[in-house]
Amino acid sequence: MENAAAFQGLRCADCDTTHGPTADQGCPDCGSAVEATYDHEAQTAEDIFGYPSAENGGESTDAVTANAGQWRFDELLPFGHGTAISAGEGATPLLSAERLAGELGVETVKIKDEGRNPTGSVYDRGMSLAVTAISERDAADDIEPVALATTGNSGQSAAAYLSRLDVRSYAFVPSRSAFSNKSMINVHGGEMRVIGGRYGDAAAAVDDQLAADYYSLQEFTSPYRHEGAKTVAFELYADLGELPDYCFVPASTGELVAGIAKGFEELVALGVTTETPTLVAVQPTSCAPIATAVERGESEPEPWAVPDTIIGELEVADPAGGSQAVAALDRVDGTALTVDDDDILDAAVTVANNEIIEMGAAGGAAPAGAWAYAEEHGFDGDETVVLLNTESGSKTPDILKSHLMGGGR
């Protein structure tokens, strides 16, 4: 494999052993999840970002390197951009939302529009890395078939990136998933199995229906998925020249929360900043295992007994990365909150009405969370707030239109 010079390997937090990049299905010694680690002392912030470190004064130099998309940060990724399976994911626009800033009572609101990624969601970032890891394996390694359970977006993304490789892949999708995602899994050449019920039923069906061994692209089985999510944090710094004060992130499996938090922490380790933003994870009131664990001060979220949200991407009752997300929020002094479905959909529609940007239903959790935070805690007035739009509005037009019609619009 062509690995970045600073990449040290995949470390198991449980037995504290470090393995090579192909140990990406769990620690070979104890079976626990592994995490990509780096030698940050071998890197300089100015080389990576074009900015001096926080200790050296702050005037920006030239912009970040010219490598396309998220792979311009390959010094902070396990693989070099020369071997990447990529379609230009990342480098998504950070758009000003002046009307939202006025309503929230802050200086600046920026929307990080991940709907501009190749398959219309933030999950393209991690899937590019995870599929690159597959492509870099020795040809003798038997990784077929590749499989994952998905609420929709990650399945579409996996099918798209795996189409570059000559491997069989399966996406197990709950019947409640958006039609657009299910259609595009097949269009990209992936095999799809629709499972009656919810996401948990689809996750259980992977082992039940695949009789042979398979290579898992499941979040937190593959460490590379949330490793890709951390590039959101790098781009925020690169685009702003500093980090925002707040970052609101829709939360489902914990993948985005843990990944973005890791990105903020690595920026501190590199010395480009001394503080992380307040990271706020947002979940629907009717399916909020991560937010509930944070509220109760628990380290391990309990599975949600009766998940019932119309926002299918966020209906994950037993998140694979729940404990990782809670731990990440604790490390960066973040928090979590819940908002009702109607507020999430109202927020997505309001952004479309006022800021041109088309948010998917799941993306609406970010502005809804910011409004809820403003009502409960308030802002000082001089903050920069970033809202992560996780998906394109074209993912869920039926849900957004039905919400409008239900309100008489």
Protein backbone atom coordinates (compact mmCIF):
# COMPACT_ATOMS: atom_id res chain seq x y z
CA MET A 1 0.00 0.00 0.00
CA GLU A 2 1.07 3.60 -0.60
CA ASN A 3 0.58 5.12 2.84
CA ALA A 4 1.05 8.71 3.94
CA ALA A 5 4.39 9.23 5.70
CA ALA A 6 2.81 10.27 9.01
CA PHE A 7 0.36 7.34 9.11
CA GLN A 8 1.47 4.96 11.87
CA GLY A 9 -1.16 2.26 11.45
CA LEU A 10 -4.42 1.10 13.00
CA ARG A 11 -4.35 1.08 16.80
CA CYS A 12 -6.59 -0.94 19.07
CA ALA A 13 -7.64 1.08 22.09
CA ASP A 14 -8.49 -2.05 24.10
CA CYS A 15 -5.22 -3.99 23.86
CA ASP A 16 -3.04 -1.04 22.78
CA THR A 17 -1.51 -2.79 19.80
CA THR A 18 -0.91 -1.20 16.42
CA HIS A 19 -1.43 -3.06 13.17
CA GLY A 20 -1.00 -2.38 9.48
CA PRO A 21 -3.64 -0.78 7.25
CA THR A 22 -5.17 -4.12 6.22
CA ALA A 23 -6.31 -4.82 9.81
CA ASP A 24 -9.39 -2.79 8.99
CA GLN A 25 -11.99 -5.35 10.07
CA GLY A 26 -11.00 -5.15 13.73
CA CYS A 27 -7.97 -5.88 15.88
CA PRO A 28 -6.47 -9.27 14.90
CA ASP A 29 -5.51 -9.85 18.56
CA CYS A 30 -8.73 -9.08 20.41
CA GLY A 31 -11.36 -8.25 17.77
CA SER A 32 -12.03 -4.70 19.01
CA ALA A 33 -12.40 -1.67 16.77
CA VAL A 34 -9.23 0.01 15.55
CA GLU A 35 -8.41 3.65 14.88
CA ALA A 36 -6.03 5.31 12.40
CA THR A 37 -3.12 7.00 14.17
CA TYR A 38 -0.50 9.50 12.99
CA ASP A 39 2.78 11.06 13.96
CA HIS A 40 1.73 14.69 14.06
CA GLU A 41 5.25 15.81 14.96
CA ALA A 42 6.28 14.76 11.45
CA GLN A 43 3.83 17.25 9.95
CA THR A 44 3.65 21.03 9.82
CA ALA A 45 0.43 22.96 9.70
CA GLU A 46 1.77 25.41 7.16
CA ASP A 47 2.70 22.65 4.73
CA ILE A 48 -0.77 21.11 4.97
CA PHE A 49 -3.04 24.14 5.19
CA GLY A 50 -0.99 27.09 4.01
CA TYR A 51 -1.46 28.75 7.39
CA PRO A 52 1.03 29.21 10.21
CA SER A 53 0.25 27.54 13.52
CA ALA A 54 -1.77 29.39 16.17
CA GLU A 55 1.42 30.01 18.14
CA ASN A 56 3.08 31.72 15.20
CA GLY A 57 0.68 34.54 14.68
CA GLY A 58 -2.06 33.71 12.29
CA GLU A 59 -1.61 35.60 9.03
CA SER A 60 -2.63 33.30 6.22
CA THR A 61 -0.21 32.39 3.45
CA ASP A 62 -1.18 30.82 0.16
CA ALA A 63 -4.24 28.62 0.04
CA VAL A 64 -4.21 24.88 0.62
CA THR A 65 -2.51 22.65 -1.91
CA ALA A 66 -4.11 22.11 -5.28
CA ASN A 67 -4.97 18.43 -4.82
CA ALA A 68 -8.65 17.92 -5.56
CA GLY A 69 -11.27 17.57 -2.87
CA GLN A 70 -10.58 16.03 0.50
CA TRP A 71 -7.43 14.35 -0.82
CA ARG A 72 -5.55 17.66 -0.64
CA PHE A 73 -5.23 16.66 3.03
CA ASP A 74 -3.59 13.33 2.27
CA GLU A 75 -0.78 14.11 4.73
CA LEU A 76 -3.47 13.65 7.39
CA LEU A 77 -5.03 10.56 5.79
CA PRO A 78 -3.86 6.93 5.65
CA PHE A 79 -3.33 6.89 1.87
CA GLY A 80 -1.80 9.19 -0.68
CA HIS A 81 -4.00 10.94 -3.23
CA GLY A 82 -2.20 9.18 -6.07
CA THR A 83 -3.93 5.88 -5.27
CA ALA A 84 -7.27 7.27 -4.11
CA ILE A 85 -10.58 5.94 -5.38
CA SER A 86 -12.11 9.36 -5.75
CA ALA A 87 -14.73 11.30 -7.65
CA GLY A 88 -13.81 14.71 -6.27
CA GLU A 89 -15.59 14.33 -2.94
CA GLY A 90 -14.97 17.06 -0.42
CA ALA A 91 -14.16 20.71 -1.12
CA THR A 92 -17.88 21.35 -0.62
CA PRO A 93 -18.97 25.00 -0.40
CA LEU A 94 -19.22 26.82 2.90
CA LEU A 95 -22.09 29.21 2.23
CA SER A 96 -23.14 32.30 4.12
CA ALA A 97 -26.67 32.38 5.52
CA GLU A 98 -27.20 35.99 6.57
CA ARG A 99 -30.91 35.67 7.30
CA LEU A 100 -30.29 32.72 9.61
CA ALA A 101 -27.56 34.67 11.36
CA GLY A 102 -30.02 37.45 12.05
CA GLU A 103 -32.63 35.06 13.40
CA LEU A 104 -30.14 33.27 15.64
CA GLY A 105 -28.63 36.52 16.85
CA VAL A 106 -25.05 35.67 15.87
CA GLU A 107 -22.47 37.36 13.70
CA THR A 108 -22.11 34.66 11.07
CA VAL A 109 -23.87 31.47 10.00
CA LYS A 110 -22.25 29.22 7.42
CA ILE A 111 -23.82 26.12 5.88
CA LYS A 112 -21.38 23.37 4.94
CA ASP A 113 -23.28 21.91 2.00
CA GLU A 114 -22.38 18.22 1.79
CA GLY A 115 -25.18 17.70 -0.70
CA ARG A 116 -22.64 18.74 -3.37
CA ASN A 117 -20.67 15.50 -3.00
CA PRO A 118 -20.71 12.98 -5.91
CA THR A 119 -23.69 10.95 -4.66
CA GLY A 120 -25.26 13.82 -2.76
CA SER A 121 -24.22 13.09 0.82
CA VAL A 122 -21.40 13.52 3.32
CA TYR A 123 -20.82 9.75 3.37
CA ASP A 124 -18.87 9.95 0.11
CA ARG A 125 -15.91 11.22 2.15
CA GLY A 126 -15.53 8.11 4.25
CA MET A 127 -16.53 5.75 1.48
CA SER A 128 -13.76 7.07 -0.75
CA LEU A 129 -11.23 6.18 1.95
CA ALA A 130 -12.79 2.81 2.77
CA VAL A 131 -12.91 1.71 -0.87
CA THR A 132 -9.36 2.98 -1.41
CA ALA A 133 -8.32 0.65 1.42
CA ILE A 134 -9.94 -2.26 -0.45
CA SER A 135 -8.27 -1.31 -3.72
CA GLU A 136 -4.85 -1.19 -2.06
CA ARG A 137 -5.03 -4.75 -0.71
CA ASP A 138 -2.96 -7.52 -2.19
CA ALA A 139 -4.84 -9.18 -5.05
CA ALA A 140 -4.64 -12.49 -3.17
CA ASP A 141 -6.68 -11.13 -0.32
CA ASP A 142 -10.21 -12.47 -0.58
CA ILE A 143 -12.55 -9.62 0.25
CA GLU A 144 -15.66 -10.67 -1.67
CA PRO A 145 -18.42 -10.05 -1.14
CA VAL A 146 -18.44 -6.56 0.33
CA ALA A 147 -21.54 -5.78 2.39
CA LEU A 148 -23.14 -3.24 4.66
CA ALA A 149 -26.47 -2.34 6.17
CA THR A 150 -27.57 1.20 5.45
CA THR A 151 -30.37 3.67 6.01
CA GLY A 152 -29.84 4.70 2.40
CA ASN A 153 -27.16 7.32 1.73
CA SER A 154 -24.15 5.23 2.67
CA GLY A 155 -25.47 2.34 0.58
CA GLN A 156 -25.74 4.53 -2.49
CA SER A 157 -22.28 5.90 -1.82
CA ALA A 158 -20.78 2.42 -1.35
CA ALA A 159 -22.30 1.16 -4.59
CA ALA A 160 -20.90 4.16 -6.47
CA TYR A 161 -17.33 3.87 -5.18
CA LEU A 162 -17.24 0.08 -5.38
CA SER A 163 -18.26 0.33 -9.02
CA ARG A 164 -14.60 1.24 -9.68
CA LEU A 165 -13.58 -2.21 -8.41
CA ASP A 166 -14.49 -5.60 -9.80
CA VAL A 167 -16.07 -6.95 -6.61
CA ARG A 168 -19.56 -8.08 -5.66
CA SER A 169 -21.29 -5.83 -3.14
CA TYR A 170 -24.52 -5.97 -1.19
CA ALA A 171 -26.48 -3.21 0.51
CA PHE A 172 -29.13 -4.26 3.04
CA VAL A 173 -31.70 -1.50 3.18
CA PRO A 174 -34.80 -1.15 5.37
CA SER A 175 -38.04 -0.87 3.43
CA ARG A 176 -38.58 2.61 4.96
CA SER A 177 -35.51 4.00 3.17
CA ALA A 178 -35.90 6.69 0.53
CA PHE A 179 -36.77 5.42 -2.96
CA SER A 180 -34.03 7.60 -4.46
CA ASN A 181 -31.32 5.81 -2.49
CA LYS A 182 -32.68 2.36 -3.24
CA SER A 183 -32.88 3.13 -6.94
CA MET A 184 -29.36 4.52 -7.18
CA ILE A 185 -27.79 1.55 -5.39
CA ASN A 186 -28.89 -0.54 -8.36
CA VAL A 187 -28.03 2.14 -10.91
CA HIS A 188 -24.44 2.16 -9.60
CA GLY A 189 -24.28 -1.62 -10.00
CA GLY A 190 -24.71 -2.72 -6.40
CA GLU A 191 -26.87 -5.60 -5.26
CA MET A 192 -29.68 -4.50 -2.95
CA ARG A 193 -31.75 -6.46 -0.51
CA VAL A 194 -34.74 -4.62 0.92
CA ILE A 195 -35.54 -5.75 4.45
CA GLY A 196 -38.93 -5.23 6.03
CA GLY A 197 -38.81 -2.97 9.06
CA ARG A 198 -36.18 -0.53 10.21
CA TYR A 199 -32.41 -0.11 10.15
CA GLY A 200 -31.86 -2.61 12.96
CA ASP A 201 -33.64 -5.27 10.93
CA ALA A 202 -31.41 -4.55 7.93
CA ALA A 203 -28.28 -4.78 10.10
CA ALA A 204 -29.36 -8.14 11.50
CA ALA A 205 -30.10 -9.46 8.00
CA VAL A 206 -26.51 -9.06 6.79
CA ASP A 207 -25.24 -11.98 8.87
CA ASP A 208 -28.49 -13.91 8.52
CA GLN A 209 -28.59 -13.83 4.72
CA LEU A 210 -24.90 -13.93 3.75
CA ALA A 211 -23.86 -17.50 4.42
CA ALA A 212 -20.17 -16.96 3.55
CA ASP A 213 -17.65 -14.62 5.11
CA TYR A 214 -17.76 -11.08 3.78
CA TYR A 215 -15.81 -7.84 3.97
CA SER A 216 -17.78 -5.31 6.00
CA LEU A 217 -18.07 -1.67 5.03
CA GLN A 218 -20.11 -1.02 8.17
CA GLU A 219 -19.36 2.14 10.10
CA PHE A 220 -16.89 1.48 12.94
CA THR A 221 -16.09 -1.95 11.53
CA SER A 222 -14.15 -0.11 8.85
CA PRO A 223 -12.14 2.62 10.62
CA TYR A 224 -11.82 4.51 7.37
CA ARG A 225 -15.40 5.73 7.17
CA HIS A 226 -15.24 8.15 10.09
CA GLU A 227 -11.64 8.88 9.11
CA GLY A 228 -13.06 10.45 5.96
CA ALA A 229 -15.60 12.45 7.97
CA LYS A 230 -12.80 14.26 9.81
CA THR A 231 -11.94 16.11 6.58
CA VAL A 232 -15.02 18.26 7.18
CA ALA A 233 -13.14 19.77 10.13
CA PHE A 234 -10.03 20.35 8.02
CA GLU A 235 -12.03 22.14 5.34
CA LEU A 236 -13.72 24.38 7.89
CA TYR A 237 -10.32 25.53 9.08
CA ALA A 238 -8.96 25.88 5.55
CA ASP A 239 -11.97 27.91 4.38
CA LEU A 240 -12.31 30.17 7.42
CA GLY A 241 -8.65 30.52 8.38
CA GLU A 242 -9.80 29.57 11.88
CA LEU A 243 -12.37 27.28 13.43
CA PRO A 244 -15.99 28.32 14.04
CA ASP A 245 -17.38 28.77 17.53
CA TYR A 246 -20.17 26.22 17.05
CA CYS A 247 -20.73 23.31 14.70
CA PHE A 248 -24.15 21.60 14.58
CA VAL A 249 -24.14 18.05 13.17
CA PRO A 250 -27.08 15.67 12.55
CA ALA A 251 -26.30 12.41 14.36
CA SER A 252 -27.35 8.87 13.50
CA THR A 253 -24.75 6.09 13.76
CA GLY A 254 -22.20 8.36 15.47
CA GLU A 255 -19.93 8.28 12.41
CA LEU A 256 -20.03 12.00 11.67
CA VAL A 257 -19.82 13.14 15.28
CA ALA A 258 -16.82 10.95 16.09
CA GLY A 259 -15.09 11.73 12.79
CA ILE A 260 -15.52 15.50 12.86
CA ALA A 261 -14.47 15.64 16.52
CA LYS A 262 -11.32 13.70 15.61
CA GLY A 263 -10.58 16.25 12.92
CA PHE A 264 -10.86 19.11 15.42
CA GLU A 265 -8.60 17.26 17.86
CA GLU A 266 -5.96 16.66 15.19
CA LEU A 267 -5.95 20.37 14.38
CA VAL A 268 -5.08 21.02 18.02
CA ALA A 269 -2.39 18.31 17.91
CA LEU A 270 -0.90 20.01 14.83
CA GLY A 271 -0.84 23.34 16.63
CA VAL A 272 -3.02 25.17 14.12
CA THR A 273 -5.45 26.06 16.89
CA THR A 274 -5.60 25.81 20.65
CA GLU A 275 -9.33 25.22 21.10
CA THR A 276 -11.99 23.10 19.45
CA PRO A 277 -15.44 24.46 18.53
CA THR A 278 -18.51 23.56 20.54
CA LEU A 279 -19.67 20.49 18.64
CA VAL A 280 -23.42 19.90 18.97
CA ALA A 281 -24.93 16.56 17.91
CA VAL A 282 -28.61 16.79 16.95
CA GLN A 283 -31.10 13.90 16.90
CA PRO A 284 -34.87 13.56 16.46
CA THR A 285 -36.80 13.50 19.73
CA SER A 286 -38.31 10.15 18.79
CA CYS A 287 -34.94 8.42 18.17
CA ALA A 288 -32.19 9.96 20.27
CA PRO A 289 -29.92 7.37 21.91
CA ILE A 290 -26.77 9.51 21.67
CA ALA A 291 -28.40 12.73 22.89
CA THR A 292 -30.11 10.91 25.75
CA ALA A 293 -26.83 9.34 26.89
CA VAL A 294 -25.16 12.77 26.88
CA GLU A 295 -28.05 14.27 28.84
CA ARG A 296 -27.86 11.49 31.45
CA GLY A 297 -24.08 11.53 31.69
CA GLU A 298 -23.83 7.94 30.45
CA SER A 299 -20.93 6.69 28.34
CA GLU A 300 -22.86 3.96 26.52
CA PRO A 301 -26.16 4.85 24.81
CA GLU A 302 -29.02 2.48 25.44
CA PRO A 303 -30.82 1.15 22.34
CA TRP A 304 -33.93 3.18 21.59
CA ALA A 305 -36.91 0.96 22.32
CA VAL A 306 -39.41 2.35 19.80
CA PRO A 307 -37.78 4.53 17.12
CA ASP A 308 -40.39 6.59 15.30
CA THR A 309 -39.10 9.38 13.09
CA ILE A 310 -40.01 10.14 9.49
CA ILE A 311 -36.38 11.12 8.89
CA GLY A 312 -35.10 7.68 7.95
CA GLU A 313 -31.42 8.64 7.81
CA LEU A 314 -31.58 9.54 11.50
CA GLU A 315 -33.65 6.54 12.62
CA VAL A 316 -30.82 4.46 14.11
CA ALA A 317 -31.97 2.96 17.38
CA ASP A 318 -28.72 1.25 18.35
CA PRO A 319 -25.86 3.26 16.81
CA ALA A 320 -22.66 1.33 16.16
CA GLY A 321 -20.63 4.39 17.09
CA GLY A 322 -22.79 5.56 19.94
CA SER A 323 -20.15 5.23 22.63
CA GLN A 324 -17.49 6.71 20.35
CA ALA A 325 -19.70 9.73 19.64
CA VAL A 326 -20.44 10.30 23.33
CA ALA A 327 -16.74 10.02 24.18
CA ALA A 328 -15.82 12.40 21.38
CA LEU A 329 -18.33 15.01 22.53
CA ASP A 330 -16.92 14.73 26.03
CA ARG A 331 -13.33 15.20 24.85
CA VAL A 332 -14.13 18.37 22.87
CA ASP A 333 -16.57 19.77 25.47
CA GLY A 334 -19.46 19.32 23.06
CA THR A 335 -23.06 18.51 23.74
CA ALA A 336 -26.16 16.99 22.16
CA LEU A 337 -29.83 17.90 21.93
CA THR A 338 -33.09 16.72 20.42
CA VAL A 339 -35.62 18.37 18.13
CA ASP A 340 -39.02 17.21 16.88
CA ASP A 341 -39.53 15.95 13.33
CA ASP A 342 -41.72 18.93 12.45
CA ASP A 343 -38.98 21.33 13.53
CA ILE A 344 -36.38 19.46 11.47
CA LEU A 345 -38.54 19.56 8.35
CA ASP A 346 -39.52 23.18 8.98
CA ALA A 347 -35.84 24.07 9.20
CA ALA A 348 -34.96 22.31 5.94
CA VAL A 349 -37.82 24.10 4.16
CA THR A 350 -36.91 27.46 5.69
CA VAL A 351 -33.33 27.16 4.47
CA ALA A 352 -34.59 26.37 0.96
CA ASN A 353 -37.02 29.31 1.11
CA ASN A 354 -34.44 31.82 2.31
CA GLU A 355 -30.94 30.70 1.40
CA ILE A 356 -31.36 28.93 -2.00
CA ILE A 357 -29.67 25.81 -0.58
CA GLU A 358 -31.57 22.53 -0.88
CA MET A 359 -31.30 20.61 2.38
CA GLY A 360 -32.38 17.03 2.73
CA ALA A 361 -34.64 16.06 5.61
CA ALA A 362 -31.70 14.82 7.69
CA GLY A 363 -29.73 17.98 7.04
CA GLY A 364 -32.57 20.02 8.53
CA ALA A 365 -31.58 18.72 11.95
CA ALA A 366 -28.59 21.10 12.00
CA PRO A 367 -30.50 24.42 11.70
CA ALA A 368 -33.30 23.05 13.88
CA GLY A 369 -30.71 22.21 16.50
CA ALA A 370 -29.20 25.69 16.28
CA TRP A 371 -32.62 27.31 16.83
CA ALA A 372 -33.29 25.00 19.77
CA TYR A 373 -29.88 25.82 21.25
CA ALA A 374 -30.52 29.55 20.83
CA GLU A 375 -33.85 29.27 22.65
CA GLU A 376 -32.45 27.22 25.51
CA HIS A 377 -28.99 28.73 25.98
CA GLY A 378 -28.73 31.79 23.78
CA PHE A 379 -25.68 33.06 21.91
CA ASP A 380 -23.49 36.02 22.85
CA GLY A 381 -23.90 37.63 19.43
CA ASP A 382 -20.37 37.53 18.02
CA GLU A 383 -20.18 33.83 17.17
CA THR A 384 -19.54 32.01 13.91
CA VAL A 385 -21.94 29.06 13.65
CA VAL A 386 -21.58 26.24 11.11
CA LEU A 387 -24.51 24.00 10.15
CA LEU A 388 -23.69 20.70 8.45
CA ASN A 389 -26.12 19.87 5.67
CA THR A 390 -25.52 16.13 5.33
CA GLU A 391 -27.48 15.45 2.15
CA SER A 392 -29.02 16.93 -0.97
CA GLY A 393 -32.65 17.97 -0.96
CA SER A 394 -33.19 15.66 -3.93
CA LYS A 395 -32.79 12.71 -1.56
CA THR A 396 -36.10 13.35 0.21
CA PRO A 397 -38.31 15.64 -1.91
CA ASP A 398 -41.42 13.60 -1.10
CA ILE A 399 -40.95 14.03 2.65
CA LEU A 400 -40.34 17.76 2.35
CA LYS A 401 -43.31 18.25 -0.01
CA SER A 402 -45.60 16.19 2.24
CA HIS A 403 -44.57 18.36 5.16
CA LEU A 404 -45.48 21.47 3.19
CA MET A 405 -48.85 20.05 2.21
CA GLY A 406 -49.54 18.99 5.78
CA GLY A 407 -49.08 22.59 6.81
CA GLY A 408 -51.45 23.84 4.15
CA ARG A 409 -48.73 25.11 1.82
